[in-house]
PDB file of N, CA and C in Angstrom:
ATOM      1  N   UNK A   1     110.236 119.457 118.048  1.00  0.00           N
ATOM      2  CA  UNK A   1     111.078 119.360 117.411  1.00  0.00           C
ATOM      3  C   UNK A   1     112.176 118.622 117.465  1.00  0.00           C
ATOM      4  N   UNK A   2     112.396 117.210 117.137  1.00  0.00           N
ATOM      5  CA  UNK A   2     113.931 116.597 117.727  1.00  0.00           C
ATOM      6  C   UNK A   2     115.200 117.343 117.264  1.00  0.00           C
ATOM      7  N   UNK A   3     116.272 117.269 117.891  1.00  0.00           N
ATOM      8  CA  UNK A   3     117.223 118.063 117.879  1.00  0.00           C
ATOM      9  C   UNK A   3     118.525 117.285 117.966  1.00  0.00           C
ATOM     10  N   UNK A   4     119.275 117.365 117.414  1.00  0.00           N
ATOM     11  CA  UNK A   4     120.393 116.117 117.687  1.00  0.00           C
ATOM     12  C   UNK A   4     121.332 116.755 118.779  1.00  0.00           C
ATOM     13  N   UNK A   5     121.614 115.842 119.671  1.00  0.00           N
ATOM     14  CA  UNK A   5     122.301 116.369 120.986  1.00  0.00           C
ATOM     15  C   UNK A   5     123.700 115.109 121.286  1.00  0.00           C
ATOM     16  N   UNK A   6     124.415 115.435 120.684  1.00  0.00           N
ATOM     17  CA  UNK A   6     125.714 114.556 120.775  1.00  0.00           C
ATOM     18  C   UNK A   6     126.931 115.155 121.278  1.00  0.00           C
ATOM     19  N   UNK A   7     127.001 116.736 121.795  1.00  0.00           N
ATOM     20  CA  UNK A   7     127.530 117.154 122.885  1.00  0.00           C
ATOM     21  C   UNK A   7     128.676 118.289 122.145  1.00  0.00           C
ATOM     22  N   UNK A   8     127.892 118.326 120.344  1.00  0.00           N
ATOM     23  CA  UNK A   8     128.679 120.075 120.079  1.00  0.00           C
ATOM     24  C   UNK A   8     127.893 121.064 120.596  1.00  0.00           C
ATOM     25  N   UNK A   9     128.298 121.741 119.889  1.00  0.00           N
ATOM     26  CA  UNK A   9     128.479 123.509 120.731  1.00  0.00           C
ATOM     27  C   UNK A   9     126.775 124.110 119.377  1.00  0.00           C
ATOM     28  N   UNK A  10     126.834 123.719 119.106  1.00  0.00           N
ATOM     29  CA  UNK A  10     125.620 123.741 118.011  1.00  0.00           C
ATOM     30  C   UNK A  10     124.862 122.473 117.743  1.00  0.00           C
ATOM     31  N   UNK A  11     123.646 122.775 118.214  1.00  0.00           N
ATOM     32  CA  UNK A  11     122.819 121.057 117.929  1.00  0.00           C
ATOM     33  C   UNK A  11     122.236 121.794 116.413  1.00  0.00           C
ATOM     34  N   UNK A  12     122.350 120.596 115.908  1.00  0.00           N
ATOM     35  CA  UNK A  12     121.702 120.245 114.122  1.00  0.00           C
ATOM     36  C   UNK A  12     120.061 120.452 114.531  1.00  0.00           C
ATOM     37  N   UNK A  13     119.298 121.102 113.949  1.00  0.00           N
ATOM     38  CA  UNK A  13     117.419 120.319 113.416  1.00  0.00           C
ATOM     39  C   UNK A  13     117.757 118.935 112.481  1.00  0.00           C
ATOM     40  N   UNK A  14     117.246 118.066 113.242  1.00  0.00           N
ATOM     41  CA  UNK A  14     116.961 116.714 112.435  1.00  0.00           C
ATOM     42  C   UNK A  14     115.818 116.947 111.629  1.00  0.00           C
ATOM     43  N   UNK A  15     116.083 116.652 110.524  1.00  0.00           N
ATOM     44  CA  UNK A  15     115.114 116.769 109.167  1.00  0.00           C
ATOM     45  C   UNK A  15     113.908 115.499 109.546  1.00  0.00           C
ATOM     46  N   UNK A  16     112.728 115.546 109.585  1.00  0.00           N
ATOM     47  CA  UNK A  16     111.856 114.735 109.525  1.00  0.00           C
ATOM     48  C   UNK A  16     110.935 114.677 108.411  1.00  0.00           C
ATOM     49  N   UNK A  17     110.781 113.707 107.623  1.00  0.00           N
ATOM     50  CA  UNK A  17     110.336 112.774 106.603  1.00  0.00           C
ATOM     51  C   UNK A  17     108.996 112.457 106.431  1.00  0.00           C
ATOM     52  N   UNK A  18     107.505 112.920 106.341  1.00  0.00           N
ATOM     53  CA  UNK A  18     106.761 113.094 106.133  1.00  0.00           C
ATOM     54  C   UNK A  18     106.197 111.621 105.515  1.00  0.00           C
ATOM     55  N   UNK A  19     105.682 110.651 106.597  1.00  0.00           N
ATOM     56  CA  UNK A  19     105.646 109.309 105.433  1.00  0.00           C
ATOM     57  C   UNK A  19     103.856 109.047 104.679  1.00  0.00           C
ATOM     58  N   UNK A  20     103.046 110.483 104.986  1.00  0.00           N
ATOM     59  CA  UNK A  20     102.223 109.878 103.643  1.00  0.00           C
ATOM     60  C   UNK A  20     102.968 110.465 102.395  1.00  0.00           C
ATOM     61  N   UNK A  21     103.508 111.322 102.347  1.00  0.00           N
ATOM     62  CA  UNK A  21     103.989 111.891 101.426  1.00  0.00           C
ATOM     63  C   UNK A  21     105.268 111.032 100.650  1.00  0.00           C
ATOM     64  N   UNK A  22     105.569 109.980 101.069  1.00  0.00           N
ATOM     65  CA  UNK A  22     106.222 108.598 100.793  1.00  0.00           C
ATOM     66  C   UNK A  22     105.244 107.754 100.518  1.00  0.00           C
ATOM     67  N   UNK A  23     104.177 107.821 100.707  1.00  0.00           N
ATOM     68  CA  UNK A  23     103.279 106.265 100.898  1.00  0.00           C
ATOM     69  C   UNK A  23     103.010 107.477  99.093  1.00  0.00           C
ATOM     70  N   UNK A  24     102.613 108.530  98.862  1.00  0.00           N
ATOM     71  CA  UNK A  24     102.502 109.323  97.794  1.00  0.00           C
ATOM     72  C   UNK A  24     102.824 108.711  96.915  1.00  0.00           C
ATOM     73  N   UNK A  25     104.291 109.611  97.070  1.00  0.00           N
ATOM     74  CA  UNK A  25     104.918 108.914  95.857  1.00  0.00           C
ATOM     75  C   UNK A  25     105.249 107.624  95.417  1.00  0.00           C
ATOM     76  N   UNK A  26     105.270 106.436  96.231  1.00  0.00           N
ATOM     77  CA  UNK A  26     104.836 105.201  95.814  1.00  0.00           C
ATOM     78  C   UNK A  26     103.940 105.055  95.237  1.00  0.00           C
ATOM     79  N   UNK A  27     102.769 105.623  95.416  1.00  0.00           N
ATOM     80  CA  UNK A  27     101.430 105.285  94.560  1.00  0.00           C
ATOM     81  C   UNK A  27     101.836 105.951  93.360  1.00  0.00           C
ATOM     82  N   UNK A  28     101.854 107.112  93.318  1.00  0.00           N
ATOM     83  CA  UNK A  28     101.852 107.635  91.946  1.00  0.00           C
ATOM     84  C   UNK A  28     103.441 106.509  91.066  1.00  0.00           C
ATOM     85  N   UNK A  29     104.437 105.900  91.374  1.00  0.00           N
ATOM     86  CA  UNK A  29     104.923 105.153  90.959  1.00  0.00           C
ATOM     87  C   UNK A  29     103.904 104.250  90.162  1.00  0.00           C
ATOM     88  N   UNK A  30     103.746 103.414  91.131  1.00  0.00           N
ATOM     89  CA  UNK A  30     102.691 102.318  90.979  1.00  0.00           C
ATOM     90  C   UNK A  30     101.579 102.693  89.839  1.00  0.00           C
ATOM     91  N   UNK A  31     101.059 103.554  89.900  1.00  0.00           N
ATOM     92  CA  UNK A  31      99.911 104.149  89.141  1.00  0.00           C
ATOM     93  C   UNK A  31     100.694 104.707  87.595  1.00  0.00           C
ATOM     94  N   UNK A  32     101.829 104.868  87.579  1.00  0.00           N
ATOM     95  CA  UNK A  32     102.613 105.363  86.470  1.00  0.00           C
ATOM     96  C   UNK A  32     103.098 104.391  85.047  1.00  0.00           C
ATOM     97  N   UNK A  33     103.047 103.269  86.724  1.00  0.00           N
ATOM     98  CA  UNK A  33     103.732 101.458  86.331  1.00  0.00           C
ATOM     99  C   UNK A  33     102.004 100.956  85.746  1.00  0.00           C
ATOM    100  N   UNK A  34     101.194 101.129  86.365  1.00  0.00           N
ATOM    101  CA  UNK A  34      99.803 100.469  85.873  1.00  0.00           C
ATOM    102  C   UNK A  34      99.247 100.940  84.400  1.00  0.00           C
ATOM    103  N   UNK A  35      99.792 102.447  84.709  1.00  0.00           N
ATOM    104  CA  UNK A  35      99.094 103.259  82.962  1.00  0.00           C
ATOM    105  C   UNK A  35      99.512 103.303  82.068  1.00  0.00           C
ATOM    106  N   UNK A  36     100.695 103.015  82.319  1.00  0.00           N
ATOM    107  CA  UNK A  36     101.543 102.564  81.000  1.00  0.00           C
ATOM    108  C   UNK A  36     101.458 100.924  80.129  1.00  0.00           C
ATOM    109  N   UNK A  37     100.930 100.377  81.099  1.00  0.00           N
ATOM    110  CA  UNK A  37     100.234  99.016  80.701  1.00  0.00           C
ATOM    111  C   UNK A  37      99.086  99.512  80.249  1.00  0.00           C
ATOM    112  N   UNK A  38      98.043  99.768  80.826  1.00  0.00           N
ATOM    113  CA  UNK A  38      96.517 100.491  80.078  1.00  0.00           C
ATOM    114  C   UNK A  38      97.154 101.309  78.896  1.00  0.00           C
ATOM    115  N   UNK A  39      98.193 102.424  79.235  1.00  0.00           N
ATOM    116  CA  UNK A  39      98.149 103.140  77.688  1.00  0.00           C
ATOM    117  C   UNK A  39      98.457 102.178  76.612  1.00  0.00           C
ATOM    118  N   UNK A  40      99.312 101.214  77.175  1.00  0.00           N
ATOM    119  CA  UNK A  40      99.553 100.030  75.774  1.00  0.00           C
ATOM    120  C   UNK A  40      98.489  99.747  75.139  1.00  0.00           C
ATOM    121  N   UNK A  41      97.737  99.408  75.928  1.00  0.00           N
ATOM    122  CA  UNK A  41      96.653  98.287  75.504  1.00  0.00           C
ATOM    123  C   UNK A  41      95.371  99.214  74.955  1.00  0.00           C
ATOM    124  N   UNK A  42      95.107 100.584  75.108  1.00  0.00           N
ATOM    125  CA  UNK A  42      94.169 101.413  74.503  1.00  0.00           C
ATOM    126  C   UNK A  42      94.911 102.160  74.016  1.00  0.00           C
ATOM    127  N   UNK A  43      95.825 101.970  73.935  1.00  0.00           N
ATOM    128  CA  UNK A  43      97.222 102.943  72.677  1.00  0.00           C
ATOM    129  C   UNK A  43      96.637 104.440  72.690  1.00  0.00           C
ATOM    130  N   UNK A  44      96.992 104.708  73.683  1.00  0.00           N
ATOM    131  CA  UNK A  44      96.977 106.430  74.091  1.00  0.00           C
ATOM    132  C   UNK A  44      98.155 106.604  73.546  1.00  0.00           C
ATOM    133  N   UNK A  45      97.874 108.090  73.347  1.00  0.00           N
ATOM    134  CA  UNK A  45      99.510 108.936  72.761  1.00  0.00           C
ATOM    135  C   UNK A  45     100.176 109.334  74.112  1.00  0.00           C
ATOM    136  N   UNK A  46     101.141 110.185  73.699  1.00  0.00           N
ATOM    137  CA  UNK A  46     101.742 110.512  74.949  1.00  0.00           C
ATOM    138  C   UNK A  46     101.225 111.898  75.603  1.00  0.00           C
ATOM    139  N   UNK A  47      99.939 112.316  74.956  1.00  0.00           N
ATOM    140  CA  UNK A  47      99.905 113.503  75.124  1.00  0.00           C
ATOM    141  C   UNK A  47      98.622 113.220  76.293  1.00  0.00           C
ATOM    142  N   UNK A  48      97.817 112.222  75.887  1.00  0.00           N
ATOM    143  CA  UNK A  48      97.078 111.656  76.757  1.00  0.00           C
ATOM    144  C   UNK A  48      97.454 111.076  78.090  1.00  0.00           C
ATOM    145  N   UNK A  49      98.509 110.345  77.754  1.00  0.00           N
ATOM    146  CA  UNK A  49      99.172 110.103  79.097  1.00  0.00           C
ATOM    147  C   UNK A  49      99.769 110.824  80.277  1.00  0.00           C
ATOM    148  N   UNK A  50      99.854 112.051  79.512  1.00  0.00           N
ATOM    149  CA  UNK A  50     100.728 113.260  80.418  1.00  0.00           C
ATOM    150  C   UNK A  50     100.066 113.868  80.882  1.00  0.00           C
ATOM    151  N   UNK A  51      98.516 113.774  80.265  1.00  0.00           N
ATOM    152  CA  UNK A  51      97.418 114.389  80.729  1.00  0.00           C
ATOM    153  C   UNK A  51      97.007 113.423  81.805  1.00  0.00           C
ATOM    154  N   UNK A  52      96.591 112.792  82.112  1.00  0.00           N
ATOM    155  CA  UNK A  52      96.195 111.170  82.879  1.00  0.00           C
ATOM    156  C   UNK A  52      97.295 111.498  83.972  1.00  0.00           C
ATOM    157  N   UNK A  53      98.662 111.934  83.954  1.00  0.00           N
ATOM    158  CA  UNK A  53      99.580 111.867  85.268  1.00  0.00           C
ATOM    159  C   UNK A  53      99.726 112.922  85.850  1.00  0.00           C
ATOM    160  N   UNK A  54      99.068 114.223  84.872  1.00  0.00           N
ATOM    161  CA  UNK A  54      99.023 115.461  85.619  1.00  0.00           C
ATOM    162  C   UNK A  54      98.071 115.667  86.393  1.00  0.00           C
ATOM    163  N   UNK A  55      96.522 115.165  86.116  1.00  0.00           N
ATOM    164  CA  UNK A  55      95.686 114.808  86.851  1.00  0.00           C
ATOM    165  C   UNK A  55      95.476 114.035  87.898  1.00  0.00           C
ATOM    166  N   UNK A  56      96.459 112.680  87.640  1.00  0.00           N
ATOM    167  CA  UNK A  56      96.425 112.062  89.040  1.00  0.00           C
ATOM    168  C   UNK A  56      97.175 113.147  89.932  1.00  0.00           C
ATOM    169  N   UNK A  57      98.158 113.623  89.594  1.00  0.00           N
ATOM    170  CA  UNK A  57      99.693 114.217  90.700  1.00  0.00           C
ATOM    171  C   UNK A  57      98.780 115.331  91.652  1.00  0.00           C
ATOM    172  N   UNK A  58      98.040 116.040  90.529  1.00  0.00           N
ATOM    173  CA  UNK A  58      96.920 117.168  91.556  1.00  0.00           C
ATOM    174  C   UNK A  58      95.920 116.739  91.804  1.00  0.00           C
ATOM    175  N   UNK A  59      95.300 115.280  92.044  1.00  0.00           N
ATOM    176  CA  UNK A  59      94.310 114.608  93.011  1.00  0.00           C
ATOM    177  C   UNK A  59      94.946 114.431  94.159  1.00  0.00           C
ATOM    178  N   UNK A  60      96.150 113.936  94.221  1.00  0.00           N
ATOM    179  CA  UNK A  60      97.039 112.873  95.180  1.00  0.00           C
ATOM    180  C   UNK A  60      97.897 114.413  96.300  1.00  0.00           C
ATOM    181  N   UNK A  61      97.892 115.511  95.603  1.00  0.00           N
ATOM    182  CA  UNK A  61      98.267 116.275  96.076  1.00  0.00           C
ATOM    183  C   UNK A  61      97.404 116.725  97.359  1.00  0.00           C
ATOM    184  N   UNK A  62      95.700 117.096  96.497  1.00  0.00           N
ATOM    185  CA  UNK A  62      94.811 117.664  96.800  1.00  0.00           C
ATOM    186  C   UNK A  62      94.663 116.951  98.223  1.00  0.00           C
ATOM    187  N   UNK A  63      94.447 115.918  97.964  1.00  0.00           N
ATOM    188  CA  UNK A  63      94.462 114.614  99.117  1.00  0.00           C
ATOM    189  C   UNK A  63      95.195 114.571 100.145  1.00  0.00           C
ATOM    190  N   UNK A  64      96.705 114.606  99.953  1.00  0.00           N
ATOM    191  CA  UNK A  64      97.705 114.852 101.076  1.00  0.00           C
ATOM    192  C   UNK A  64      97.198 116.068 101.809  1.00  0.00           C
ATOM    193  N   UNK A  65      97.095 117.240 101.086  1.00  0.00           N
ATOM    194  CA  UNK A  65      96.876 118.762 102.061  1.00  0.00           C
ATOM    195  C   UNK A  65      95.731 118.495 102.493  1.00  0.00           C
ATOM    196  N   UNK A  66      94.749 117.762 102.211  1.00  0.00           N
ATOM    197  CA  UNK A  66      93.897 117.936 103.103  1.00  0.00           C
ATOM    198  C   UNK A  66      93.388 117.065 104.279  1.00  0.00           C
ATOM    199  N   UNK A  67      94.687 115.941 104.381  1.00  0.00           N
ATOM    200  CA  UNK A  67      95.055 115.276 105.717  1.00  0.00           C
ATOM    201  C   UNK A  67      95.604 116.630 106.823  1.00  0.00           C
ATOM    202  N   UNK A  68      96.834 117.419 105.920  1.00  0.00           N
ATOM    203  CA  UNK A  68      97.682 118.270 106.316  1.00  0.00           C
ATOM    204  C   UNK A  68      96.581 119.261 107.287  1.00  0.00           C
ATOM    205  N   UNK A  69      95.473 119.510 106.971  1.00  0.00           N
ATOM    206  CA  UNK A  69      95.169 120.614 107.750  1.00  0.00           C
ATOM    207  C   UNK A  69      94.003 120.109 109.076  1.00  0.00           C
TER     208      UNK A  69
END
């Protein structure tokens, strides 16, 4: 675990961000933007749009969880 060693008495633990999680957030935003275009084309209601987003988020979290183990 990386530590901040700047001569202080109490070294702070640095926070490391998982790059895979950042990529998944970016993909989720890209997917939401594309889904909005498709929603307008197919005239989906807000419930259908929300349902597709929930399924996408759950699927991405499952994929991310598989890569972590």
